[in-house]
Amino acid sequence: MSRLFPLAGLLRLRKLQQNQAALDLAEANARVAALQARRGRARSALGALGNTPQTIAALNAMAAARSSSRSMLAELDAMGRNHQETLDSAQSNYNAARAESVALEKLHDRHAAAVLAEDLHAEQTVLDEIAGARWHRSRSASLNKGETP
């Protein structure tokens, strides 16, 4: 059996792909979180507008501010949907990359276990040969001295 894992290069490639997918996922999560924070601030600003205007000009300004804020919230909602789609895509890409990587990792683990078993078997064979040779020498020496085994 080969000492080196024959698919080591492919395993490294899959790990790199998994790491890239994890970075993309983290970036998408950060964008979604930032957008949610921005949306929360816009909602707070919309709620903080005064409810009792004193003049017609203030009423017009308040109406314009609310309209602008609602437009901004609608825009943020649309961006949020886009970012959520990107996040979902990044999550599925990461899951696929992780699945491919895990399959190769399992193969690598099996290979390592087989190599270890082969090493242990070879070591046991050497120990058995040493013990057998020692026993034969001991038996041969005792027969030469006339002792009964």
N, C-alpha and C. Protein backbone atom coordinates (compact mmCIF):
# COMPACT_ATOMS: atom_id res chain seq x y z
N MET A 1 0.85 -1.18 0.00
CA MET A 1 0.00 0.00 0.00
C MET A 1 0.89 1.23 0.00
N SER A 2 0.49 2.19 -0.76
CA SER A 2 1.23 3.45 -0.84
C SER A 2 1.21 4.17 0.50
N ARG A 3 2.33 4.69 0.90
CA ARG A 3 2.42 5.39 2.17
C ARG A 3 1.68 6.73 2.11
N LEU A 4 1.70 7.34 0.94
CA LEU A 4 1.04 8.64 0.78
C LEU A 4 -0.40 8.44 0.31
N PHE A 5 -1.26 9.30 0.78
CA PHE A 5 -2.67 9.24 0.37
C PHE A 5 -2.74 9.66 -1.09
N PRO A 6 -3.24 8.78 -1.96
CA PRO A 6 -3.22 9.08 -3.39
C PRO A 6 -4.09 10.28 -3.79
N LEU A 7 -5.07 10.63 -2.98
CA LEU A 7 -5.95 11.75 -3.30
C LEU A 7 -5.62 12.99 -2.47
N ALA A 8 -4.38 13.09 -2.00
CA ALA A 8 -3.99 14.21 -1.13
C ALA A 8 -4.15 15.55 -1.85
N GLY A 9 -3.78 15.61 -3.11
CA GLY A 9 -3.92 16.86 -3.86
C GLY A 9 -5.37 17.28 -4.00
N LEU A 10 -6.23 16.31 -4.27
CA LEU A 10 -7.66 16.61 -4.39
C LEU A 10 -8.23 17.03 -3.04
N LEU A 11 -7.76 16.40 -1.97
CA LEU A 11 -8.22 16.77 -0.62
C LEU A 11 -7.82 18.21 -0.30
N ARG A 12 -6.59 18.59 -0.66
CA ARG A 12 -6.16 19.98 -0.44
C ARG A 12 -7.02 20.95 -1.24
N LEU A 13 -7.34 20.58 -2.49
CA LEU A 13 -8.20 21.42 -3.32
C LEU A 13 -9.58 21.56 -2.71
N ARG A 14 -10.14 20.46 -2.24
CA ARG A 14 -11.47 20.51 -1.61
C ARG A 14 -11.45 21.37 -0.34
N LYS A 15 -10.37 21.28 0.42
CA LYS A 15 -10.25 22.11 1.62
C LYS A 15 -10.19 23.60 1.24
N LEU A 16 -9.45 23.91 0.19
CA LEU A 16 -9.38 25.30 -0.27
C LEU A 16 -10.76 25.78 -0.73
N GLN A 17 -11.47 24.93 -1.45
CA GLN A 17 -12.81 25.28 -1.90
C GLN A 17 -13.75 25.47 -0.70
N GLN A 18 -13.61 24.62 0.29
CA GLN A 18 -14.43 24.75 1.49
C GLN A 18 -14.11 26.06 2.22
N ASN A 19 -12.82 26.38 2.33
CA ASN A 19 -12.44 27.63 2.99
C ASN A 19 -12.96 28.84 2.24
N GLN A 20 -12.91 28.81 0.90
CA GLN A 20 -13.43 29.92 0.11
C GLN A 20 -14.94 30.04 0.29
N ALA A 21 -15.62 28.90 0.30
CA ALA A 21 -17.07 28.92 0.50
C ALA A 21 -17.41 29.45 1.89
N ALA A 22 -16.60 29.11 2.89
CA ALA A 22 -16.82 29.62 4.25
C ALA A 22 -16.62 31.13 4.29
N LEU A 23 -15.61 31.63 3.57
CA LEU A 23 -15.39 33.08 3.51
C LEU A 23 -16.57 33.78 2.83
N ASP A 24 -17.05 33.20 1.73
CA ASP A 24 -18.21 33.79 1.04
C ASP A 24 -19.44 33.79 1.94
N LEU A 25 -19.62 32.73 2.69
CA LEU A 25 -20.75 32.63 3.61
C LEU A 25 -20.64 33.68 4.72
N ALA A 26 -19.45 33.84 5.25
CA ALA A 26 -19.25 34.85 6.31
C ALA A 26 -19.50 36.25 5.77
N GLU A 27 -19.06 36.50 4.55
CA GLU A 27 -19.27 37.81 3.93
C GLU A 27 -20.77 38.07 3.72
N ALA A 28 -21.48 37.05 3.25
CA ALA A 28 -22.93 37.21 3.04
C ALA A 28 -23.64 37.42 4.37
N ASN A 29 -23.23 36.70 5.40
CA ASN A 29 -23.83 36.90 6.74
C ASN A 29 -23.57 38.32 7.24
N ALA A 30 -22.37 38.83 7.01
CA ALA A 30 -22.04 40.19 7.45
C ALA A 30 -22.89 41.22 6.71
N ARG A 31 -23.09 41.01 5.40
CA ARG A 31 -23.92 41.95 4.64
C ARG A 31 -25.36 41.94 5.13
N VAL A 32 -25.89 40.75 5.41
CA VAL A 32 -27.27 40.66 5.90
C VAL A 32 -27.38 41.33 7.27
N ALA A 33 -26.41 41.09 8.15
CA ALA A 33 -26.45 41.71 9.48
C ALA A 33 -26.33 43.23 9.39
N ALA A 34 -25.45 43.72 8.52
CA ALA A 34 -25.30 45.17 8.37
C ALA A 34 -26.58 45.79 7.83
N LEU A 35 -27.19 45.12 6.88
CA LEU A 35 -28.44 45.64 6.31
C LEU A 35 -29.55 45.64 7.35
N GLN A 36 -29.62 44.61 8.17
CA GLN A 36 -30.64 44.58 9.22
C GLN A 36 -30.42 45.71 10.23
N ALA A 37 -29.17 45.96 10.56
CA ALA A 37 -28.88 47.07 11.48
C ALA A 37 -29.28 48.41 10.85
N ARG A 38 -28.95 48.56 9.57
CA ARG A 38 -29.31 49.81 8.86
C ARG A 38 -30.82 49.97 8.79
N ARG A 39 -31.51 48.87 8.55
CA ARG A 39 -32.97 48.92 8.48
C ARG A 39 -33.56 49.27 9.86
N GLY A 40 -32.98 48.73 10.90
CA GLY A 40 -33.43 49.06 12.26
C GLY A 40 -33.25 50.53 12.57
N ARG A 41 -32.12 51.07 12.16
CA ARG A 41 -31.87 52.51 12.38
C ARG A 41 -32.87 53.36 11.59
N ALA A 42 -33.18 52.94 10.36
CA ALA A 42 -34.15 53.70 9.54
C ALA A 42 -35.53 53.63 10.17
N ARG A 43 -35.90 52.48 10.70
CA ARG A 43 -37.21 52.36 11.36
C ARG A 43 -37.26 53.24 12.61
N SER A 44 -36.16 53.25 13.35
CA SER A 44 -36.11 54.10 14.55
C SER A 44 -36.23 55.57 14.17
N ALA A 45 -35.54 55.95 13.10
CA ALA A 45 -35.62 57.35 12.65
C ALA A 45 -37.03 57.69 12.19
N LEU A 46 -37.69 56.75 11.54
CA LEU A 46 -39.06 56.99 11.10
C LEU A 46 -39.99 57.13 12.30
N GLY A 47 -39.77 56.33 13.31
CA GLY A 47 -40.60 56.39 14.51
C GLY A 47 -40.32 57.62 15.35
N ALA A 48 -39.12 58.19 15.20
CA ALA A 48 -38.75 59.34 16.01
C ALA A 48 -39.29 60.66 15.47
N LEU A 49 -39.83 60.61 14.27
CA LEU A 49 -40.38 61.85 13.72
C LEU A 49 -41.55 62.31 14.60
N GLY A 50 -41.65 63.58 14.78
CA GLY A 50 -42.71 64.13 15.62
C GLY A 50 -44.10 63.85 15.06
N ASN A 51 -45.07 63.73 15.94
CA ASN A 51 -46.44 63.44 15.51
C ASN A 51 -47.35 64.67 15.54
N THR A 52 -46.87 65.76 16.11
CA THR A 52 -47.72 66.95 16.21
C THR A 52 -47.02 68.15 15.59
N PRO A 53 -47.23 68.31 14.28
CA PRO A 53 -46.60 69.48 13.64
C PRO A 53 -47.33 70.77 14.07
N GLN A 54 -46.57 71.84 14.18
CA GLN A 54 -47.13 73.11 14.62
C GLN A 54 -47.58 74.00 13.46
N THR A 55 -46.97 73.79 12.30
CA THR A 55 -47.33 74.64 11.14
C THR A 55 -47.55 73.74 9.92
N ILE A 56 -48.09 74.36 8.89
CA ILE A 56 -48.30 73.65 7.63
C ILE A 56 -46.96 73.24 7.04
N ALA A 57 -45.98 74.10 7.15
CA ALA A 57 -44.64 73.79 6.62
C ALA A 57 -44.07 72.58 7.36
N ALA A 58 -44.24 72.53 8.68
CA ALA A 58 -43.74 71.40 9.46
C ALA A 58 -44.49 70.12 9.07
N LEU A 59 -45.79 70.24 8.82
CA LEU A 59 -46.59 69.10 8.40
C LEU A 59 -46.10 68.59 7.05
N ASN A 60 -45.84 69.51 6.11
CA ASN A 60 -45.31 69.12 4.80
C ASN A 60 -43.93 68.48 4.93
N ALA A 61 -43.08 69.04 5.78
CA ALA A 61 -41.74 68.49 5.99
C ALA A 61 -41.83 67.09 6.60
N MET A 62 -42.74 66.92 7.57
CA MET A 62 -42.90 65.62 8.22
C MET A 62 -43.43 64.59 7.20
N ALA A 63 -44.34 64.99 6.37
CA ALA A 63 -44.87 64.08 5.35
C ALA A 63 -43.77 63.69 4.36
N ALA A 64 -42.97 64.66 3.96
CA ALA A 64 -41.87 64.37 3.03
C ALA A 64 -40.84 63.43 3.68
N ALA A 65 -40.53 63.68 4.97
CA ALA A 65 -39.57 62.83 5.67
C ALA A 65 -40.09 61.41 5.80
N ARG A 66 -41.38 61.28 6.12
CA ARG A 66 -41.96 59.94 6.25
C ARG A 66 -41.98 59.23 4.89
N SER A 67 -42.32 59.94 3.86
CA SER A 67 -42.34 59.36 2.53
C SER A 67 -40.94 58.90 2.12
N SER A 68 -39.98 59.75 2.39
CA SER A 68 -38.59 59.41 2.08
C SER A 68 -38.14 58.19 2.89
N SER A 69 -38.50 58.17 4.16
CA SER A 69 -38.12 57.05 5.01
C SER A 69 -38.77 55.76 4.55
N ARG A 70 -40.03 55.84 4.17
CA ARG A 70 -40.73 54.64 3.67
C ARG A 70 -40.08 54.14 2.38
N SER A 71 -39.71 55.06 1.51
CA SER A 71 -39.03 54.68 0.27
C SER A 71 -37.70 54.00 0.58
N MET A 72 -36.99 54.58 1.56
CA MET A 72 -35.70 53.99 1.95
C MET A 72 -35.92 52.60 2.56
N LEU A 73 -36.96 52.43 3.36
CA LEU A 73 -37.25 51.12 3.94
C LEU A 73 -37.62 50.11 2.85
N ALA A 74 -38.39 50.55 1.86
CA ALA A 74 -38.74 49.65 0.76
C ALA A 74 -37.48 49.23 -0.01
N GLU A 75 -36.58 50.18 -0.22
CA GLU A 75 -35.33 49.90 -0.89
C GLU A 75 -34.48 48.93 -0.06
N LEU A 76 -34.43 49.16 1.24
CA LEU A 76 -33.68 48.28 2.13
C LEU A 76 -34.29 46.87 2.15
N ASP A 77 -35.62 46.80 2.10
CA ASP A 77 -36.27 45.49 2.05
C ASP A 77 -35.88 44.74 0.77
N ALA A 78 -35.86 45.44 -0.35
CA ALA A 78 -35.46 44.83 -1.62
C ALA A 78 -34.01 44.36 -1.56
N MET A 79 -33.15 45.20 -1.01
CA MET A 79 -31.75 44.80 -0.84
C MET A 79 -31.65 43.60 0.09
N GLY A 80 -32.48 43.60 1.12
CA GLY A 80 -32.48 42.49 2.06
C GLY A 80 -32.84 41.18 1.39
N ARG A 81 -33.83 41.22 0.51
CA ARG A 81 -34.20 40.00 -0.22
C ARG A 81 -33.04 39.52 -1.09
N ASN A 82 -32.37 40.47 -1.76
CA ASN A 82 -31.21 40.10 -2.59
C ASN A 82 -30.10 39.52 -1.73
N HIS A 83 -29.83 40.16 -0.60
CA HIS A 83 -28.77 39.66 0.29
C HIS A 83 -29.15 38.30 0.86
N GLN A 84 -30.43 38.08 1.15
CA GLN A 84 -30.86 36.78 1.68
C GLN A 84 -30.69 35.70 0.63
N GLU A 85 -30.99 36.02 -0.63
CA GLU A 85 -30.78 35.06 -1.71
C GLU A 85 -29.29 34.72 -1.83
N THR A 86 -28.45 35.75 -1.73
CA THR A 86 -27.00 35.53 -1.79
C THR A 86 -26.56 34.67 -0.61
N LEU A 87 -27.11 34.94 0.55
CA LEU A 87 -26.77 34.17 1.75
C LEU A 87 -27.20 32.72 1.58
N ASP A 88 -28.39 32.49 1.07
CA ASP A 88 -28.87 31.12 0.86
C ASP A 88 -27.98 30.38 -0.14
N SER A 89 -27.59 31.07 -1.20
CA SER A 89 -26.71 30.48 -2.19
C SER A 89 -25.34 30.15 -1.58
N ALA A 90 -24.80 31.09 -0.81
CA ALA A 90 -23.50 30.86 -0.17
C ALA A 90 -23.58 29.70 0.81
N GLN A 91 -24.70 29.59 1.52
CA GLN A 91 -24.87 28.49 2.47
C GLN A 91 -24.91 27.15 1.74
N SER A 92 -25.64 27.09 0.63
CA SER A 92 -25.71 25.83 -0.12
C SER A 92 -24.36 25.49 -0.75
N ASN A 93 -23.63 26.50 -1.22
CA ASN A 93 -22.28 26.26 -1.77
C ASN A 93 -21.35 25.73 -0.68
N TYR A 94 -21.44 26.32 0.50
CA TYR A 94 -20.60 25.85 1.60
C TYR A 94 -20.96 24.41 1.98
N ASN A 95 -22.26 24.13 2.07
CA ASN A 95 -22.68 22.77 2.43
C ASN A 95 -22.17 21.74 1.42
N ALA A 96 -22.24 22.09 0.13
CA ALA A 96 -21.76 21.18 -0.92
C ALA A 96 -20.25 21.00 -0.82
N ALA A 97 -19.51 22.10 -0.63
CA ALA A 97 -18.06 22.01 -0.51
C ALA A 97 -17.67 21.20 0.72
N ARG A 98 -18.39 21.39 1.81
CA ARG A 98 -18.10 20.65 3.04
C ARG A 98 -18.37 19.16 2.85
N ALA A 99 -19.46 18.83 2.16
CA ALA A 99 -19.79 17.42 1.92
C ALA A 99 -18.71 16.73 1.09
N GLU A 100 -18.23 17.42 0.06
CA GLU A 100 -17.16 16.85 -0.77
C GLU A 100 -15.88 16.69 0.04
N SER A 101 -15.60 17.65 0.87
CA SER A 101 -14.40 17.60 1.69
C SER A 101 -14.49 16.48 2.73
N VAL A 102 -15.65 16.32 3.34
CA VAL A 102 -15.84 15.29 4.36
C VAL A 102 -15.66 13.90 3.76
N ALA A 103 -16.18 13.70 2.56
CA ALA A 103 -16.04 12.39 1.92
C ALA A 103 -14.56 12.05 1.71
N LEU A 104 -13.79 13.02 1.25
CA LEU A 104 -12.36 12.77 1.06
C LEU A 104 -11.63 12.62 2.38
N GLU A 105 -12.06 13.36 3.41
CA GLU A 105 -11.43 13.21 4.72
C GLU A 105 -11.65 11.80 5.26
N LYS A 106 -12.83 11.26 5.04
CA LYS A 106 -13.11 9.88 5.48
C LYS A 106 -12.22 8.89 4.74
N LEU A 107 -12.06 9.09 3.45
CA LEU A 107 -11.15 8.23 2.68
C LEU A 107 -9.73 8.34 3.21
N HIS A 108 -9.32 9.56 3.52
CA HIS A 108 -7.98 9.78 4.06
C HIS A 108 -7.82 9.07 5.40
N ASP A 109 -8.82 9.16 6.24
CA ASP A 109 -8.76 8.49 7.55
C ASP A 109 -8.67 6.97 7.38
N ARG A 110 -9.44 6.43 6.45
CA ARG A 110 -9.37 4.98 6.20
C ARG A 110 -7.99 4.59 5.68
N HIS A 111 -7.44 5.41 4.81
CA HIS A 111 -6.11 5.14 4.28
C HIS A 111 -5.08 5.16 5.41
N ALA A 112 -5.17 6.17 6.26
CA ALA A 112 -4.23 6.27 7.38
C ALA A 112 -4.37 5.07 8.32
N ALA A 113 -5.60 4.62 8.55
CA ALA A 113 -5.81 3.45 9.41
C ALA A 113 -5.23 2.20 8.76
N ALA A 114 -5.39 2.06 7.45
CA ALA A 114 -4.84 0.90 6.74
C ALA A 114 -3.32 0.92 6.78
N VAL A 115 -2.71 2.08 6.61
CA VAL A 115 -1.25 2.19 6.67
C VAL A 115 -0.76 1.84 8.08
N LEU A 116 -1.47 2.33 9.09
CA LEU A 116 -1.10 2.02 10.47
C LEU A 116 -1.23 0.52 10.74
N ALA A 117 -2.30 -0.08 10.26
CA ALA A 117 -2.47 -1.53 10.44
C ALA A 117 -1.36 -2.30 9.75
N GLU A 118 -0.98 -1.86 8.57
CA GLU A 118 0.11 -2.49 7.84
C GLU A 118 1.42 -2.35 8.61
N ASP A 119 1.68 -1.17 9.16
CA ASP A 119 2.89 -0.96 9.96
C ASP A 119 2.90 -1.84 11.20
N LEU A 120 1.76 -1.92 11.88
CA LEU A 120 1.68 -2.74 13.08
C LEU A 120 1.85 -4.22 12.73
N HIS A 121 1.29 -4.65 11.61
CA HIS A 121 1.45 -6.04 11.17
C HIS A 121 2.93 -6.34 10.87
N ALA A 122 3.58 -5.42 10.16
CA ALA A 122 5.00 -5.62 9.85
C ALA A 122 5.83 -5.66 11.13
N GLU A 123 5.53 -4.80 12.07
CA GLU A 123 6.25 -4.79 13.35
C GLU A 123 6.01 -6.09 14.10
N GLN A 124 4.77 -6.57 14.11
CA GLN A 124 4.47 -7.84 14.79
C GLN A 124 5.18 -9.00 14.12
N THR A 125 5.28 -8.97 12.80
CA THR A 125 5.98 -10.03 12.07
C THR A 125 7.45 -10.05 12.46
N VAL A 126 8.07 -8.88 12.55
CA VAL A 126 9.48 -8.80 12.95
C VAL A 126 9.64 -9.31 14.37
N LEU A 127 8.76 -8.91 15.27
CA LEU A 127 8.83 -9.38 16.66
C LEU A 127 8.65 -10.89 16.73
N ASP A 128 7.73 -11.44 15.94
CA ASP A 128 7.53 -12.88 15.92
C ASP A 128 8.76 -13.61 15.39
N GLU A 129 9.39 -13.04 14.36
CA GLU A 129 10.60 -13.65 13.81
C GLU A 129 11.74 -13.62 14.83
N ILE A 130 11.87 -12.51 15.53
CA ILE A 130 12.91 -12.40 16.56
C ILE A 130 12.65 -13.42 17.67
N ALA A 131 11.41 -13.50 18.12
CA ALA A 131 11.07 -14.44 19.19
C ALA A 131 11.27 -15.88 18.71
N GLY A 132 10.88 -16.17 17.48
CA GLY A 132 11.06 -17.52 16.94
C GLY A 132 12.51 -17.88 16.82
N ALA A 133 13.32 -16.97 16.33
CA ALA A 133 14.75 -17.23 16.19
C ALA A 133 15.39 -17.44 17.56
N ARG A 134 14.99 -16.67 18.52
CA ARG A 134 15.53 -16.81 19.88
C ARG A 134 15.12 -18.17 20.46
N TRP A 135 13.87 -18.56 20.24
CA TRP A 135 13.41 -19.84 20.75
C TRP A 135 14.18 -20.99 20.10
N HIS A 136 14.40 -20.90 18.78
CA HIS A 136 15.16 -21.95 18.07
C HIS A 136 16.59 -22.01 18.57
N ARG A 137 17.22 -20.85 18.81
CA ARG A 137 18.59 -20.85 19.34
C ARG A 137 18.63 -21.47 20.73
N SER A 138 17.66 -21.11 21.54
CA SER A 138 17.60 -21.64 22.90
C SER A 138 17.37 -23.15 22.87
N ARG A 139 16.49 -23.60 22.01
CA ARG A 139 16.21 -25.04 21.90
C ARG A 139 17.42 -25.78 21.35
N SER A 140 18.05 -25.19 20.36
CA SER A 140 19.23 -25.81 19.76
C SER A 140 20.35 -25.92 20.78
N ALA A 141 20.52 -24.86 21.59
CA ALA A 141 21.58 -24.88 22.60
C ALA A 141 21.27 -25.93 23.66
N SER A 142 20.04 -26.07 24.04
CA SER A 142 19.70 -27.05 25.07
C SER A 142 19.83 -28.47 24.54
N LEU A 143 19.55 -28.71 23.26
CA LEU A 143 19.72 -30.04 22.66
C LEU A 143 21.19 -30.39 22.57
N ASN A 144 22.01 -29.40 22.30
CA ASN A 144 23.46 -29.64 22.20
C ASN A 144 24.05 -29.99 23.55
N LYS A 145 23.46 -29.51 24.61
CA LYS A 145 23.95 -29.80 25.95
C LYS A 145 23.39 -31.12 26.46
N GLY A 146 22.46 -31.68 25.71
CA GLY A 146 21.87 -32.95 26.11
C GLY A 146 20.67 -32.81 27.00
N GLU A 147 20.15 -31.64 27.11
CA GLU A 147 18.96 -31.44 27.93
C GLU A 147 17.73 -31.82 27.13
N THR A 148 16.72 -32.23 27.82
CA THR A 148 15.46 -32.53 27.13
C THR A 148 14.60 -31.28 27.13
N PRO A 149 13.94 -31.06 26.04
CA PRO A 149 13.14 -29.83 25.96
C PRO A 149 11.91 -29.85 26.78
